[in-house]
Amino acid sequence: MQLSDFDYDLPRERIAQTPAEPRDAARLLVHDPLRERMHDARVADLAEWLEPGDLLVLNDTRVLPARLFARRRSGGAVELLFVEPCGSSTGGTGTAASGGARWRALVNPARKLRAGETLAVPGGLSVRVVEREGTSAVWHVELGDPRDAARGVVELLEVAGRTPLPPYIHRARDGDEREPLDRERYQTIYARAAGAVAAPTAGLHFTPELMQRLAARGVQTTRLTLHVGIGTFQPIATPDPRDHAMHAERFEIPEEAARAVERARARGARVVAVGTTSVRALEARSDDSGRLAPGRGSTDLFILPGHRFRCVDALLTNFHLPRSTLLMLVCAFAGRERVLRLYRHAVEAGYRFYSYGDAMLLTERWGTGSGTEAS
């Protein structure tokens, strides 16, 4: 296995810079791995491609407006991405609001900062730089309001922070008129537990109307939480992906989610993961029989081709970056050659890629949908 095995060509204009309007107007590439068929459809038609009794598993993490711009006393600009409260990496999800005043932050530039200095933030806020994690770009920092010490970090980020869009979505550094749109649309409609620095993007396509159509179809839903961390943007630097040190992400699987999966298994229905984040949480807590254990913690599970899926039967996912851990997970689910073939079709057919892009449904059982035959 080589990193180059997970590469593909993508024209820059295929990278979506804005979301589809409305959310469920995004395109949906539906694939039946048993018959090797592809259909071009819309996310709005998702209910037609699922079966009564299927269980959709949604990730209800909420994205923090975690990007903050500050200045040093020298006038130098500093960008911070607040990741999580210090000490929360292995303690389950909770919500970010439950963390203390000291946070881990990805800082750019990281090398020029000095422990003990204070950064100025627009609006009268300040960031105290505490200590650096080794030689990494992560610093421990404290965000505060000198006028009101009672205001917590999450509250302050809601006021002064900006949406932590991935770097391939281009926005002006000094403010962008699209920030109000991003604040709404880079968030699922069912987001609840604050703590993510990136959205579970497959869930961005859901609307209240789509949820109603799914329910009318007899498709059931349940929710878990996995807080997407900075590792989701971390490139793989090793020629062999198996040598990559996978990042850990905090999760919580409620009792009700575990029972919902058990009931789906009992009635012979499919467990349909909405997004790779849901896959990661489900597979991390499932035993060899597919039984899902409730609980909270963190997982560094790296799903590569060769992984035996124990819980997930079908997957709704966006299109992912070349050579990324997310693409490798999808290849593990449906086969590398098959997935790259699907990606080539998506490029040729004009699909939009990445976080604000279109979606793909990988399912083992053929549904009753009616799209345009693609192959």
Protein backbone atom coordinates (compact mmCIF):
# COMPACT_ATOMS: atom_id res chain seq x y z
CA MET A 1 0.00 0.00 0.00
CA GLN A 2 1.39 3.38 -1.04
CA LEU A 3 0.15 6.91 -0.49
CA SER A 4 0.17 7.45 -4.25
CA ASP A 5 -2.48 4.72 -4.58
CA PHE A 6 -5.02 7.21 -3.26
CA ASP A 7 -4.41 10.04 -5.70
CA TYR A 8 -6.64 11.47 -8.40
CA ASP A 9 -6.75 14.55 -10.61
CA LEU A 10 -9.20 17.30 -9.71
CA PRO A 11 -9.54 20.57 -11.61
CA ARG A 12 -9.49 23.52 -9.24
CA GLU A 13 -12.86 24.75 -10.46
CA ARG A 14 -14.49 21.57 -9.12
CA ILE A 15 -13.77 22.63 -5.50
CA ALA A 16 -17.01 24.14 -4.18
CA GLN A 17 -16.60 27.61 -2.67
CA THR A 18 -20.23 28.06 -1.63
CA PRO A 19 -22.93 25.56 -0.56
CA ALA A 20 -25.81 24.42 -2.73
CA GLU A 21 -29.05 26.30 -2.28
CA PRO A 22 -31.14 24.87 -0.78
CA ARG A 23 -29.01 22.37 1.12
CA ASP A 24 -30.60 19.26 -0.37
CA ALA A 25 -30.21 20.58 -3.94
CA ALA A 26 -26.71 19.12 -3.90
CA ARG A 27 -26.13 16.30 -6.35
CA LEU A 28 -25.99 12.70 -5.18
CA LEU A 29 -24.00 9.97 -6.89
CA VAL A 30 -25.65 6.67 -5.95
CA HIS A 31 -23.70 3.46 -6.39
CA ASP A 32 -24.73 -0.16 -6.14
CA PRO A 33 -21.53 -2.16 -5.56
CA LEU A 34 -23.22 -5.48 -6.33
CA ARG A 35 -24.36 -4.46 -9.81
CA GLU A 36 -21.63 -1.91 -10.48
CA ARG A 37 -24.16 0.77 -11.39
CA MET A 38 -24.04 4.51 -10.85
CA HIS A 39 -27.00 6.87 -10.83
CA ASP A 40 -26.88 10.68 -10.86
CA ALA A 41 -29.53 12.00 -8.48
CA ARG A 42 -30.09 14.75 -5.88
CA VAL A 43 -29.77 14.63 -2.11
CA ALA A 44 -33.40 15.74 -1.99
CA ASP A 45 -34.24 12.29 -3.41
CA LEU A 46 -32.30 10.41 -0.72
CA ALA A 47 -35.44 8.78 0.69
CA GLU A 48 -36.02 7.03 -2.64
CA TRP A 49 -32.65 5.31 -2.39
CA LEU A 50 -33.17 4.01 1.13
CA GLU A 51 -35.50 1.31 2.37
CA PRO A 52 -38.14 1.38 5.13
CA GLY A 53 -36.49 0.41 8.37
CA ASP A 54 -33.02 1.66 7.42
CA LEU A 55 -31.29 3.53 10.24
CA LEU A 56 -29.46 6.79 9.50
CA VAL A 57 -26.74 7.60 12.05
CA LEU A 58 -26.13 11.35 12.32
CA ASN A 59 -23.22 13.17 13.98
CA ASP A 60 -24.67 16.05 16.01
CA THR A 61 -21.39 17.84 16.80
CA ARG A 62 -21.57 21.62 16.57
CA VAL A 63 -18.82 23.63 14.86
CA LEU A 64 -17.35 26.42 16.94
CA PRO A 65 -16.50 29.77 15.31
CA ALA A 66 -13.01 28.78 16.33
CA ARG A 67 -10.83 30.90 14.02
CA LEU A 68 -9.53 34.06 15.63
CA PHE A 69 -7.26 36.80 14.28
CA ALA A 70 -5.02 38.69 16.70
CA ARG A 71 -2.00 40.98 16.70
CA ARG A 72 1.24 41.03 18.66
CA ARG A 73 2.47 44.22 20.28
CA SER A 74 4.89 44.53 17.38
CA GLY A 75 1.90 44.66 15.04
CA GLY A 76 2.46 41.21 13.56
CA ALA A 77 -0.67 39.27 12.62
CA VAL A 78 -1.40 35.92 14.29
CA GLU A 79 -4.11 33.43 13.35
CA LEU A 80 -5.40 31.01 15.97
CA LEU A 81 -7.66 28.01 15.61
CA PHE A 82 -9.09 27.06 19.00
CA VAL A 83 -9.22 23.26 19.08
CA GLU A 84 -10.36 22.10 22.51
CA PRO A 85 -10.04 22.85 26.22
CA CYS A 86 -6.77 21.60 27.66
CA GLY A 87 -7.16 18.22 29.26
CA SER A 88 -10.19 17.21 27.20
CA SER A 89 -8.42 15.07 24.59
CA THR A 90 -9.21 11.78 26.32
CA GLY A 91 -12.17 12.70 28.45
CA GLY A 92 -15.10 12.20 26.12
CA THR A 93 -17.10 14.83 24.35
CA GLY A 94 -19.27 16.81 26.72
CA THR A 95 -19.48 20.24 25.14
CA ALA A 96 -16.70 22.72 24.60
CA ALA A 97 -18.46 25.05 27.01
CA SER A 98 -17.58 22.68 29.84
CA GLY A 99 -13.84 23.23 29.32
CA GLY A 100 -11.68 25.64 31.31
CA ALA A 101 -10.14 28.93 30.26
CA ARG A 102 -6.96 27.35 28.85
CA TRP A 103 -7.28 25.91 25.36
CA ARG A 104 -5.16 24.17 22.79
CA ALA A 105 -4.89 26.33 19.66
CA LEU A 106 -3.27 25.81 16.29
CA VAL A 107 -1.25 28.98 15.73
CA ASN A 108 0.18 30.56 12.59
CA PRO A 109 2.95 31.64 12.74
CA ALA A 110 3.82 29.44 15.70
CA ARG A 111 7.59 29.90 15.97
CA LYS A 112 7.54 33.66 16.54
CA LEU A 113 5.39 33.57 19.66
CA ARG A 114 6.86 33.65 23.14
CA ALA A 115 5.38 32.18 26.30
CA GLY A 116 3.85 34.89 28.45
CA GLU A 117 3.09 37.43 25.75
CA THR A 118 -0.37 38.85 25.20
CA LEU A 119 -2.10 39.20 21.85
CA ALA A 120 -4.74 41.80 21.10
CA VAL A 121 -8.05 40.70 19.58
CA PRO A 122 -10.54 43.10 17.94
CA GLY A 123 -13.36 44.01 20.29
CA GLY A 124 -11.12 44.50 23.31
CA LEU A 125 -10.37 40.81 23.91
CA SER A 126 -6.92 39.39 24.60
CA VAL A 127 -5.10 36.09 24.23
CA ARG A 128 -2.40 35.13 26.73
CA VAL A 129 0.16 32.73 25.29
CA VAL A 130 1.04 30.10 27.91
CA GLU A 131 3.16 27.29 26.48
CA ARG A 132 3.95 25.40 23.30
CA GLU A 133 3.45 21.67 22.75
CA GLY A 134 6.98 20.62 21.86
CA THR A 135 7.95 21.97 18.44
CA SER A 136 4.43 21.73 17.03
CA ALA A 137 2.19 24.59 15.90
CA VAL A 138 -0.09 23.98 18.89
CA TRP A 139 0.07 26.39 21.82
CA HIS A 140 -1.85 26.50 25.08
CA VAL A 141 -3.57 29.87 25.27
CA GLU A 142 -6.09 31.75 27.37
CA LEU A 143 -8.76 33.92 25.72
CA GLY A 144 -10.39 36.52 27.91
CA ASP A 145 -12.25 39.78 28.15
CA PRO A 146 -10.46 42.17 30.57
CA ARG A 147 -13.78 43.95 31.10
CA ASP A 148 -15.71 40.82 32.07
CA ALA A 149 -13.73 37.88 33.46
CA ALA A 150 -16.89 35.76 33.76
CA ARG A 151 -17.29 35.35 30.00
CA GLY A 152 -16.13 31.91 28.88
CA VAL A 153 -14.09 30.99 25.82
CA VAL A 154 -17.03 29.62 23.84
CA GLU A 155 -19.08 32.75 24.50
CA LEU A 156 -16.17 34.94 23.41
CA LEU A 157 -15.59 32.92 20.26
CA GLU A 158 -19.26 33.28 19.35
CA VAL A 159 -18.73 37.03 19.39
CA ALA A 160 -15.21 37.41 17.96
CA GLY A 161 -14.48 34.14 16.18
CA ARG A 162 -14.99 33.22 12.56
CA THR A 163 -16.12 30.03 10.88
CA PRO A 164 -13.17 27.61 10.65
CA LEU A 165 -13.53 26.82 6.97
CA PRO A 166 -10.93 24.48 5.47
CA PRO A 167 -8.11 26.17 3.54
CA TYR A 168 -9.43 25.18 0.11
CA ILE A 169 -12.51 27.40 0.66
CA HIS A 170 -11.18 30.89 0.02
CA ARG A 171 -12.30 33.80 2.14
CA ALA A 172 -10.77 37.22 2.78
CA ARG A 173 -8.60 37.29 5.89
CA ASP A 174 -9.78 40.71 7.09
CA GLY A 175 -13.46 39.91 6.96
CA ASP A 176 -15.71 38.49 4.28
CA GLU A 177 -19.28 39.34 3.40
CA ARG A 178 -20.02 35.62 3.21
CA GLU A 179 -19.25 35.00 6.90
CA PRO A 180 -22.94 35.14 7.97
CA LEU A 181 -23.74 32.54 5.30
CA ASP A 182 -20.81 30.37 6.38
CA ARG A 183 -21.81 30.67 10.03
CA GLU A 184 -25.20 29.15 9.15
CA ARG A 185 -24.33 26.74 6.37
CA TYR A 186 -21.11 25.22 7.74
CA GLN A 187 -23.31 23.68 10.40
CA THR A 188 -25.84 20.84 10.26
CA ILE A 189 -29.45 21.65 11.10
CA TYR A 190 -29.28 19.13 13.97
CA ALA A 191 -25.97 20.34 15.47
CA ARG A 192 -26.11 20.25 19.27
CA ALA A 193 -22.85 19.57 21.12
CA ALA A 194 -20.33 22.38 20.57
CA GLY A 195 -16.76 21.21 20.09
CA ALA A 196 -15.82 20.63 16.44
CA VAL A 197 -13.37 22.67 14.37
CA ALA A 198 -14.69 21.22 11.12
CA ALA A 199 -18.15 20.18 10.03
CA PRO A 200 -19.32 16.60 9.45
CA THR A 201 -19.93 17.63 5.87
CA ALA A 202 -22.23 14.83 4.69
CA GLY A 203 -24.78 16.14 7.19
CA LEU A 204 -24.72 19.65 5.72
CA HIS A 205 -27.13 18.52 3.00
CA PHE A 206 -30.05 17.74 5.32
CA THR A 207 -33.09 20.02 5.53
CA PRO A 208 -36.22 19.75 7.70
CA GLU A 209 -38.16 18.81 4.57
CA LEU A 210 -35.73 16.01 3.73
CA MET A 211 -35.95 14.71 7.28
CA GLN A 212 -39.74 14.62 6.93
CA ARG A 213 -39.53 12.70 3.65
CA LEU A 214 -37.16 10.19 5.22
CA ALA A 215 -39.51 9.68 8.15
CA ALA A 216 -42.48 9.24 5.79
CA ARG A 217 -40.47 6.60 3.93
CA GLY A 218 -39.99 4.71 7.19
CA VAL A 219 -36.29 5.54 7.49
CA GLN A 220 -35.26 5.95 11.12
CA THR A 221 -32.56 8.19 12.58
CA THR A 222 -30.34 8.23 15.63
CA ARG A 223 -27.50 10.48 16.74
CA LEU A 224 -24.03 10.25 18.16
CA THR A 225 -21.32 12.87 18.68
CA LEU A 226 -17.80 12.94 17.30
CA HIS A 227 -15.97 16.25 17.54
CA VAL A 228 -13.99 16.74 14.34
CA GLY A 229 -10.48 17.91 15.26
CA ILE A 230 -7.52 19.53 13.54
CA GLY A 231 -6.25 16.13 12.45
CA THR A 232 -8.89 16.08 9.73
CA PHE A 233 -6.68 18.57 7.83
CA GLN A 234 -3.40 16.82 8.66
CA PRO A 235 -1.73 15.54 5.48
CA ILE A 236 -0.16 12.09 5.41
CA ALA A 237 3.59 12.47 5.10
CA THR A 238 4.63 8.80 5.07
CA PRO A 239 4.96 6.91 1.75
CA ASP A 240 3.12 3.98 3.32
CA PRO A 241 -0.18 5.21 4.85
CA ARG A 242 -0.01 2.48 7.49
CA ASP A 243 2.89 4.38 9.07
CA HIS A 244 0.76 7.50 9.58
CA ALA A 245 -0.01 8.47 13.18
CA MET A 246 -3.75 8.96 13.21
CA HIS A 247 -5.21 11.83 15.24
CA ALA A 248 -7.61 11.15 18.08
CA GLU A 249 -11.11 12.60 18.19
CA ARG A 250 -13.56 12.76 21.09
CA PHE A 251 -16.86 10.93 20.77
CA GLU A 252 -19.96 9.92 22.65
CA ILE A 253 -22.41 7.18 21.72
CA PRO A 254 -25.61 7.46 23.77
CA GLU A 255 -27.52 4.45 25.04
CA GLU A 256 -30.35 5.25 22.64
CA ALA A 257 -28.02 5.12 19.63
CA ALA A 258 -26.71 1.71 20.69
CA ARG A 259 -30.26 0.42 21.15
CA ALA A 260 -31.32 1.85 17.77
CA VAL A 261 -28.49 -0.03 16.05
CA GLU A 262 -29.41 -3.21 17.90
CA ARG A 263 -33.04 -2.88 16.82
CA ALA A 264 -32.00 -2.27 13.21
CA ARG A 265 -29.89 -5.42 13.30
CA ALA A 266 -32.77 -7.40 14.75
CA ARG A 267 -35.14 -6.40 11.95
CA GLY A 268 -32.54 -7.00 9.23
CA ALA A 269 -32.22 -3.30 8.33
CA ARG A 270 -29.13 -1.42 7.26
CA VAL A 271 -27.09 0.92 9.42
CA VAL A 272 -26.40 3.91 7.18
CA ALA A 273 -23.61 6.17 8.43
CA VAL A 274 -23.97 9.83 7.51
CA GLY A 275 -20.36 10.83 6.99
CA THR A 276 -16.98 9.36 7.75
CA THR A 277 -17.12 10.78 11.28
CA SER A 278 -20.13 8.61 12.09
CA VAL A 279 -18.32 5.62 10.58
CA ARG A 280 -15.31 6.19 12.77
CA ALA A 281 -17.32 6.38 15.98
CA LEU A 282 -19.47 3.36 15.12
CA GLU A 283 -16.57 1.14 14.11
CA ALA A 284 -14.49 2.17 17.11
CA ARG A 285 -17.18 0.98 19.54
CA SER A 286 -18.43 -2.16 17.75
CA ASP A 287 -17.34 -5.68 18.53
CA ASP A 288 -16.80 -8.48 16.03
CA SER A 289 -20.51 -9.33 16.07
CA GLY A 290 -21.50 -5.76 15.17
CA ARG A 291 -22.81 -4.98 18.64
CA LEU A 292 -22.39 -1.29 19.43
CA ALA A 293 -21.34 -0.33 22.95
CA PRO A 294 -22.49 3.04 24.30
CA GLY A 295 -19.95 5.27 25.97
CA ARG A 296 -17.63 8.19 25.54
CA GLY A 297 -13.92 8.65 25.04
CA SER A 298 -11.57 9.28 22.16
CA THR A 299 -10.53 7.19 19.18
CA ASP A 300 -7.49 7.14 16.94
CA LEU A 301 -8.92 4.38 14.74
CA PHE A 302 -7.45 4.60 11.23
CA ILE A 303 -9.68 2.82 8.73
CA LEU A 304 -7.72 1.63 5.70
CA PRO A 305 -8.44 -0.91 2.96
CA GLY A 306 -8.49 -4.29 4.64
CA HIS A 307 -10.62 -3.09 7.55
CA ARG A 308 -13.56 -5.40 8.25
CA PHE A 309 -16.62 -3.27 8.87
CA ARG A 310 -18.56 -4.54 11.84
CA CYS A 311 -21.38 -2.03 12.16
CA VAL A 312 -21.81 0.12 9.04
CA ASP A 313 -23.73 -1.26 6.06
CA ALA A 314 -24.04 1.86 3.89
CA LEU A 315 -22.38 5.27 3.72
CA LEU A 316 -23.45 8.76 2.71
CA THR A 317 -20.35 10.90 2.22
CA ASN A 318 -18.96 13.91 0.40
CA PHE A 319 -16.02 13.72 -2.01
CA HIS A 320 -12.68 13.94 -0.20
CA LEU A 321 -9.17 15.22 -0.83
CA PRO A 322 -6.62 13.04 -2.62
CA ARG A 323 -4.27 11.12 -0.31
CA SER A 324 -6.43 11.89 2.72
CA THR A 325 -7.41 9.59 5.59
CA LEU A 326 -11.06 10.24 4.71
CA LEU A 327 -10.62 9.01 1.14
CA MET A 328 -8.87 5.94 2.49
CA LEU A 329 -11.82 5.19 4.75
CA VAL A 330 -14.21 5.37 1.78
CA CYS A 331 -11.87 3.13 -0.23
CA ALA A 332 -11.87 0.66 2.65
CA PHE A 333 -15.66 0.58 2.51
CA ALA A 334 -16.20 0.22 -1.24
CA GLY A 335 -12.81 -0.75 -2.72
CA ARG A 336 -10.05 1.57 -3.91
CA GLU A 337 -10.40 0.97 -7.65
CA ARG A 338 -14.18 1.28 -7.49
CA VAL A 339 -14.05 4.53 -5.50
CA LEU A 340 -11.48 6.12 -7.79
CA ARG A 341 -13.66 5.14 -10.74
CA LEU A 342 -16.61 6.85 -9.07
CA TYR A 343 -14.48 9.93 -8.48
CA ARG A 344 -13.45 10.03 -12.13
CA HIS A 345 -17.11 9.92 -13.13
CA ALA A 346 -17.92 12.69 -10.65
CA VAL A 347 -15.19 14.90 -12.11
CA GLU A 348 -16.34 14.28 -15.67
CA ALA A 349 -20.01 14.80 -14.76
CA GLY A 350 -19.34 18.16 -13.10
CA TYR A 351 -19.89 17.23 -9.46
CA ARG A 352 -18.71 19.74 -6.85
CA PHE A 353 -16.07 18.50 -4.41
CA TYR A 354 -15.12 18.75 -0.73
CA SER A 355 -16.89 20.38 2.22
CA TYR A 356 -19.43 22.51 0.34
CA GLY A 357 -19.68 20.01 -2.50
CA ASP A 358 -21.93 17.16 -3.53
CA ALA A 359 -22.39 13.73 -2.00
CA MET A 360 -22.18 10.03 -2.76
CA LEU A 361 -24.25 7.12 -1.43
CA LEU A 362 -22.52 3.76 -1.20
CA THR A 363 -24.94 0.96 -0.39
CA GLU A 364 -24.89 -2.80 -0.57
CA ARG A 365 -28.54 -3.18 -1.41
CA TRP A 366 -30.20 -1.65 -4.44
CA GLY A 367 -32.94 0.86 -3.53
CA THR A 368 -35.98 1.97 -5.49
CA GLY A 369 -34.67 5.35 -6.64
CA SER A 370 -35.00 6.77 -10.12
CA GLY A 371 -32.01 8.78 -11.27
CA THR A 372 -30.19 9.12 -14.55
CA GLU A 373 -28.24 5.98 -15.38
CA ALA A 374 -24.57 6.93 -15.30
CA SER A 375 -22.96 3.65 -16.20
